[in-house]
Amino acid sequence: MSPTTLMWIVFAVLISFMLVIDLSLNRKSGHVSFKKAATWTVVWMLLALLFGGGIWFTMGQQKALEFLTGYLIEQSLSVDNLFVFIMIFTVFGVRGELQAKVLKWGILGAIVMRLAFIFAGSVLLKEFQWLFYFFGALLVYTAWKMAFSGDDEIEPDKNPLVKLARRFLPMTKRIRGDWFVTRRMQLWIASPLFMVLLVVESSDLIFAMDSIPAIFAITLDPFIVLTSNIFAIMGLRSLFFLLSNLMGMFAYLKFGIALILAFVGVKMILMMLGFHIPISLSLAVIVVTLVIAVVASLLLRKPETDELLETA
């Protein structure tokens, strides 16, 4: 059995086992405490590090560094994604105990979409290498927009998935219970909660168009791209509730994430021009950028943030 096959099996078993645990522990909607969110965030990060260690011993140092770099890129980009989710829940008026259910199904949907994106992307980039220029330029543009544009308002009525769903499904005016769709008097009726799920899924689809090309700048190995992506996604729900309690603490993190995106975009373009940036240097740039952004946010935080820390 080859090392890659062995690690595929380990990955499949580990993720399946953790999915069963996660779904069984969260069958019912309920408030996710700061302590629980922090615990599960640490658990998922430790699992990712342990899996990276397994890659190191079975597939070598280079593959392990690629996995860790890809994981850090996806995690850092997820932070911006999660702040958008917070805005979506605010616009729709989704209370805390229902947010966990939407995120659970949203993350499962995200896994399916990422699988399709990654395998399609690995084939396309190998066949059409000029796409590296396109995706590199796209990442640089996204970085510029993230750093210098204001926060876009969430407008559910303009979401194409929401428009399509409303054509076929009547919808209640308010969220009633924790169901997405139900059948009443021979008719299928949607809850606004279903529309929230559609907006979350479509938002993740848009973010995937940035995050997946960013990881392809590190490696074209579908195993590394997929596993680093899935490990980051699986920890999104706990990370969401952790960040929602600390929202406002990391004011400068957005600029750090934008810098990482710009760096990865330039790296993709340089690869096509014959300049190769070592994976160890890429990892160092990402880690240092994140550390500086977090430290700057903590040192220069506003007084109201201190009050937030005391109540979190």
Protein backbone atom coordinates (compact mmCIF):
# COMPACT_ATOMS: atom_id res chain seq x y z
CA MET A 1 0.00 0.00 0.00
CA SER A 2 1.41 3.38 -1.04
CA PRO A 3 1.78 6.20 1.55
CA THR A 4 -0.80 8.31 -0.34
CA THR A 5 -3.36 5.48 -0.29
CA LEU A 6 -2.74 4.94 3.42
CA MET A 7 -3.29 8.62 4.20
CA TRP A 8 -6.46 8.69 2.06
CA ILE A 9 -7.83 5.86 4.21
CA VAL A 10 -6.79 7.59 7.44
CA PHE A 11 -8.38 10.83 6.25
CA ALA A 12 -11.67 9.14 5.24
CA VAL A 13 -11.95 7.23 8.52
CA LEU A 14 -11.03 10.24 10.69
CA ILE A 15 -13.39 12.70 8.98
CA SER A 16 -16.25 10.16 8.92
CA PHE A 17 -15.75 9.43 12.62
CA MET A 18 -15.65 13.12 13.53
CA LEU A 19 -18.73 13.83 11.39
CA VAL A 20 -20.69 11.17 13.25
CA ILE A 21 -19.61 12.61 16.60
CA ASP A 22 -20.36 16.17 15.54
CA LEU A 23 -23.81 15.37 14.15
CA SER A 24 -24.78 13.17 17.09
CA LEU A 25 -23.75 15.83 19.62
CA ASN A 26 -25.61 18.56 17.75
CA ARG A 27 -28.90 16.90 16.76
CA LYS A 28 -30.94 19.66 18.31
CA SER A 29 -30.61 23.40 17.87
CA GLY A 30 -29.13 25.07 20.89
CA HIS A 31 -26.90 27.87 22.06
CA VAL A 32 -23.20 27.20 21.57
CA SER A 33 -21.26 28.64 24.48
CA PHE A 34 -17.94 30.42 24.15
CA LYS A 35 -16.23 27.62 26.10
CA LYS A 36 -17.66 24.89 23.87
CA ALA A 37 -16.78 26.81 20.71
CA ALA A 38 -13.21 27.39 21.91
CA THR A 39 -12.82 23.71 22.87
CA TRP A 40 -14.00 22.41 19.49
CA THR A 41 -11.87 24.97 17.64
CA VAL A 42 -8.78 23.69 19.47
CA VAL A 43 -9.81 20.05 18.83
CA TRP A 44 -10.08 20.61 15.07
CA MET A 45 -6.77 22.49 14.95
CA LEU A 46 -4.99 19.73 16.88
CA LEU A 47 -6.48 17.08 14.58
CA ALA A 48 -5.21 19.03 11.56
CA LEU A 49 -1.72 19.24 13.09
CA LEU A 50 -1.73 15.52 13.92
CA PHE A 51 -2.82 14.68 10.39
CA GLY A 52 -0.06 16.93 9.07
CA GLY A 53 2.36 14.97 11.26
CA GLY A 54 1.08 11.76 9.70
CA ILE A 55 1.74 13.21 6.24
CA TRP A 56 5.27 14.15 7.34
CA PHE A 57 6.11 10.58 8.43
CA THR A 58 4.45 8.83 5.47
CA MET A 59 4.80 11.24 2.54
CA GLY A 60 7.69 13.47 3.55
CA GLN A 61 8.43 16.98 4.80
CA GLN A 62 7.52 18.76 1.56
CA LYS A 63 3.98 17.36 1.47
CA ALA A 64 3.50 18.12 5.18
CA LEU A 65 4.53 21.75 4.68
CA GLU A 66 2.18 22.01 1.68
CA PHE A 67 -0.68 20.65 3.82
CA LEU A 68 0.02 23.05 6.70
CA THR A 69 0.36 26.05 4.36
CA GLY A 70 -2.89 25.17 2.57
CA TYR A 71 -4.65 24.69 5.91
CA LEU A 72 -3.48 28.08 7.21
CA ILE A 73 -4.56 29.81 3.98
CA GLU A 74 -8.04 28.27 4.17
CA GLN A 75 -8.37 29.05 7.89
CA SER A 76 -7.34 32.68 7.45
CA LEU A 77 -9.72 33.17 4.52
CA SER A 78 -12.48 31.51 6.53
CA VAL A 79 -12.35 34.33 9.07
CA ASP A 80 -13.58 36.82 6.48
CA ASN A 81 -16.18 34.29 5.34
CA LEU A 82 -17.49 33.87 8.89
CA PHE A 83 -17.92 37.62 9.38
CA VAL A 84 -20.15 37.56 6.28
CA PHE A 85 -22.16 34.73 7.88
CA ILE A 86 -22.62 36.90 10.99
CA MET A 87 -23.99 39.68 8.76
CA ILE A 88 -26.35 37.23 7.03
CA PHE A 89 -27.76 36.00 10.34
CA THR A 90 -28.20 39.60 11.49
CA VAL A 91 -30.09 40.61 8.32
CA PHE A 92 -32.43 37.62 8.55
CA GLY A 93 -32.82 37.87 12.32
CA VAL A 94 -31.66 34.31 13.00
CA ARG A 95 -31.17 33.79 16.73
CA GLY A 96 -28.18 31.97 18.18
CA GLU A 97 -29.77 28.56 18.77
CA LEU A 98 -30.79 28.30 15.09
CA GLN A 99 -27.46 29.48 13.70
CA ALA A 100 -25.83 26.16 14.63
CA LYS A 101 -28.32 24.19 12.53
CA VAL A 102 -27.90 26.44 9.48
CA LEU A 103 -24.12 26.21 9.77
CA LYS A 104 -24.22 22.42 10.16
CA TRP A 105 -26.07 21.90 6.87
CA GLY A 106 -24.23 24.78 5.24
CA ILE A 107 -20.86 23.19 6.01
CA LEU A 108 -22.00 19.78 4.73
CA GLY A 109 -23.06 21.49 1.49
CA ALA A 110 -19.75 23.34 1.36
CA ILE A 111 -17.85 20.04 1.57
CA VAL A 112 -19.72 18.69 -1.47
CA MET A 113 -19.07 21.90 -3.46
CA ARG A 114 -15.38 21.95 -2.53
CA LEU A 115 -14.99 18.34 -3.66
CA ALA A 116 -16.34 19.23 -7.09
CA PHE A 117 -14.29 22.44 -7.30
CA ILE A 118 -11.02 20.82 -6.28
CA PHE A 119 -11.12 17.85 -8.62
CA ALA A 120 -12.31 20.00 -11.52
CA GLY A 121 -9.70 22.66 -10.73
CA SER A 122 -6.79 20.19 -10.52
CA VAL A 123 -7.67 18.84 -13.99
CA LEU A 124 -8.15 22.29 -15.54
CA LEU A 125 -4.94 23.77 -14.14
CA LYS A 126 -2.90 20.83 -15.43
CA GLU A 127 -4.47 21.06 -18.89
CA PHE A 128 -4.70 24.85 -19.18
CA GLN A 129 -1.75 26.36 -17.34
CA TRP A 130 -2.62 29.88 -18.50
CA LEU A 131 -5.38 29.75 -15.86
CA PHE A 132 -2.65 30.43 -13.29
CA TYR A 133 -2.41 33.97 -14.68
CA PHE A 134 -6.18 34.39 -14.44
CA PHE A 135 -6.50 33.06 -10.90
CA GLY A 136 -3.41 34.97 -9.76
CA ALA A 137 -4.85 38.24 -11.06
CA LEU A 138 -8.22 37.36 -9.49
CA LEU A 139 -6.62 36.86 -6.07
CA VAL A 140 -4.71 40.15 -6.30
CA TYR A 141 -7.93 41.96 -7.26
CA THR A 142 -9.82 40.30 -4.41
CA ALA A 143 -7.07 41.34 -1.99
CA TRP A 144 -7.30 44.96 -3.14
CA LYS A 145 -11.07 44.95 -2.83
CA MET A 146 -10.94 43.35 0.62
CA ALA A 147 -8.40 45.88 1.94
CA PHE A 148 -9.76 49.10 0.47
CA SER A 149 -13.48 48.57 -0.15
CA GLY A 150 -16.14 49.00 2.50
CA ASP A 151 -18.23 46.12 3.77
CA ASP A 152 -20.86 45.13 1.24
CA GLU A 153 -24.40 45.01 2.52
CA ILE A 154 -26.19 41.68 2.39
CA GLU A 155 -29.23 41.96 0.11
CA PRO A 156 -31.12 38.62 0.21
CA ASP A 157 -33.70 39.69 -2.38
CA LYS A 158 -30.93 40.02 -4.99
CA ASN A 159 -29.53 36.53 -4.35
CA PRO A 160 -30.30 34.37 -7.44
CA LEU A 161 -30.86 31.21 -5.36
CA VAL A 162 -33.36 33.02 -3.15
CA LYS A 163 -35.16 34.39 -6.23
CA LEU A 164 -35.34 30.90 -7.74
CA ALA A 165 -36.60 29.29 -4.53
CA ARG A 166 -39.34 31.88 -4.08
CA ARG A 167 -40.68 31.05 -7.55
CA PHE A 168 -41.37 27.46 -6.56
CA LEU A 169 -41.86 27.58 -2.79
CA PRO A 170 -44.26 29.76 -0.80
CA MET A 171 -42.53 31.13 2.28
CA THR A 172 -43.76 32.02 5.76
CA LYS A 173 -43.21 35.60 6.92
CA ARG A 174 -41.42 34.61 10.11
CA ILE A 175 -39.16 31.79 11.25
CA ARG A 176 -41.35 29.26 13.05
CA GLY A 177 -39.42 26.44 14.69
CA ASP A 178 -36.16 25.01 13.38
CA TRP A 179 -37.41 23.45 10.13
CA PHE A 180 -36.35 24.50 6.63
CA VAL A 181 -39.22 23.12 4.56
CA THR A 182 -42.49 21.49 5.64
CA ARG A 183 -45.67 20.20 4.01
CA ARG A 184 -49.02 21.79 4.92
CA MET A 185 -52.37 21.28 3.21
CA GLN A 186 -50.78 19.46 0.23
CA LEU A 187 -48.28 22.31 -0.27
CA TRP A 188 -44.57 22.56 0.42
CA ILE A 189 -43.81 25.69 2.45
CA ALA A 190 -40.37 27.14 3.11
CA SER A 191 -39.21 28.90 6.22
CA PRO A 192 -37.05 32.04 5.98
CA LEU A 193 -34.47 29.74 7.59
CA PHE A 194 -34.28 27.88 4.27
CA MET A 195 -33.50 31.15 2.50
CA VAL A 196 -30.74 31.81 5.06
CA LEU A 197 -29.23 28.42 4.21
CA LEU A 198 -29.31 29.26 0.49
CA VAL A 199 -27.57 32.60 1.07
CA VAL A 200 -24.92 30.93 3.26
CA GLU A 201 -24.28 28.25 0.61
CA SER A 202 -24.06 30.78 -2.22
CA SER A 203 -21.71 32.96 -0.14
CA ASP A 204 -19.44 29.99 0.50
CA LEU A 205 -19.48 29.21 -3.22
CA ILE A 206 -18.17 32.70 -3.91
CA PHE A 207 -15.47 32.40 -1.24
CA ALA A 208 -14.44 29.00 -2.64
CA MET A 209 -13.58 30.73 -5.91
CA ASP A 210 -10.90 32.65 -3.98
CA SER A 211 -9.68 30.09 -1.44
CA ILE A 212 -9.29 27.06 -3.71
CA PRO A 213 -7.15 28.85 -6.36
CA ALA A 214 -5.05 30.17 -3.46
CA ILE A 215 -4.24 26.63 -2.34
CA PHE A 216 -3.53 25.56 -5.93
CA ALA A 217 -0.73 28.15 -5.82
CA ILE A 218 0.88 25.95 -3.16
CA THR A 219 0.36 22.54 -4.78
CA LEU A 220 -1.60 20.79 -7.53
CA ASP A 221 -1.78 17.56 -5.52
CA PRO A 222 -5.56 16.89 -5.12
CA PHE A 223 -4.90 15.00 -1.86
CA ILE A 224 -3.18 17.97 -0.19
CA VAL A 225 -5.65 20.52 -1.56
CA LEU A 226 -8.69 18.47 -0.51
CA THR A 227 -7.54 17.41 2.95
CA SER A 228 -6.31 20.88 3.96
CA ASN A 229 -9.61 22.36 2.73
CA ILE A 230 -11.83 19.84 4.50
CA PHE A 231 -9.99 20.11 7.82
CA ALA A 232 -10.44 23.89 7.74
CA ILE A 233 -14.12 23.63 6.76
CA MET A 234 -14.93 21.07 9.46
CA GLY A 235 -13.81 23.52 12.14
CA LEU A 236 -15.78 26.44 10.71
CA ARG A 237 -18.86 26.11 12.90
CA SER A 238 -16.97 26.20 16.20
CA LEU A 239 -14.75 28.98 14.86
CA PHE A 240 -17.88 30.95 13.91
CA PHE A 241 -19.27 30.92 17.45
CA LEU A 242 -15.84 31.71 18.86
CA LEU A 243 -15.47 34.75 16.57
CA SER A 244 -19.07 35.88 17.05
CA ASN A 245 -18.27 36.31 20.75
CA LEU A 246 -15.09 38.22 19.95
CA MET A 247 -16.25 40.21 16.94
CA GLY A 248 -14.47 43.54 16.89
CA MET A 249 -11.27 42.31 18.53
CA PHE A 250 -9.33 41.78 15.31
CA ALA A 251 -9.86 44.99 13.37
CA TYR A 252 -6.63 44.61 11.38
CA LEU A 253 -7.03 40.93 10.54
CA LYS A 254 -8.81 41.83 7.30
CA PHE A 255 -5.70 43.62 6.05
CA GLY A 256 -3.52 40.66 6.97
CA ILE A 257 -5.81 38.29 5.05
CA ALA A 258 -5.77 40.67 2.07
CA LEU A 259 -1.96 40.69 2.12
CA ILE A 260 -1.90 36.87 2.16
CA LEU A 261 -4.26 36.76 -0.82
CA ALA A 262 -2.11 39.25 -2.74
CA PHE A 263 1.05 37.28 -1.93
CA VAL A 264 -0.50 34.01 -3.13
CA GLY A 265 -1.82 35.69 -6.29
CA VAL A 266 1.64 37.08 -7.12
CA LYS A 267 3.13 33.65 -6.35
CA MET A 268 0.83 32.02 -8.94
CA ILE A 269 1.89 34.52 -11.62
CA LEU A 270 5.60 34.19 -10.77
CA MET A 271 5.34 30.41 -11.06
CA MET A 272 4.35 30.81 -14.72
CA LEU A 273 7.27 33.20 -15.26
CA GLY A 274 9.77 30.68 -13.95
CA PHE A 275 10.24 32.06 -10.43
CA HIS A 276 9.59 29.52 -7.69
CA ILE A 277 8.99 30.64 -4.09
CA PRO A 278 9.92 27.83 -1.64
CA ILE A 279 7.03 26.41 0.35
CA SER A 280 8.88 27.14 3.62
CA LEU A 281 9.05 30.84 2.70
CA SER A 282 5.36 30.87 1.76
CA LEU A 283 4.47 29.32 5.12
CA ALA A 284 6.67 31.85 6.96
CA VAL A 285 5.04 34.80 5.15
CA ILE A 286 1.53 33.55 6.03
CA VAL A 287 2.33 32.88 9.70
CA VAL A 288 4.19 36.19 10.22
CA THR A 289 1.41 38.16 8.48
CA LEU A 290 -1.29 36.59 10.65
CA VAL A 291 0.71 37.13 13.85
CA ILE A 292 1.37 40.79 13.03
CA ALA A 293 -2.32 41.38 12.15
CA VAL A 294 -3.53 39.75 15.39
CA VAL A 295 -0.96 41.53 17.60
CA ALA A 296 -1.72 44.90 15.96
CA SER A 297 -5.45 44.34 16.51
CA LEU A 298 -4.92 43.51 20.20
CA LEU A 299 -2.50 46.38 20.87
CA LEU A 300 -4.55 49.00 19.03
CA ARG A 301 -8.01 47.79 20.00
CA LYS A 302 -10.64 50.31 21.01
CA PRO A 303 -11.85 50.66 24.63
CA GLU A 304 -15.23 49.10 23.81
CA THR A 305 -13.41 45.93 22.78
CA ASP A 306 -12.12 45.51 26.34
CA GLU A 307 -15.72 45.48 27.53
CA LEU A 308 -16.45 42.80 24.94
CA LEU A 309 -13.59 40.65 26.25
CA GLU A 310 -14.94 40.88 29.81
CA THR A 311 -18.40 39.68 28.75
CA ALA A 312 -17.26 36.96 26.29
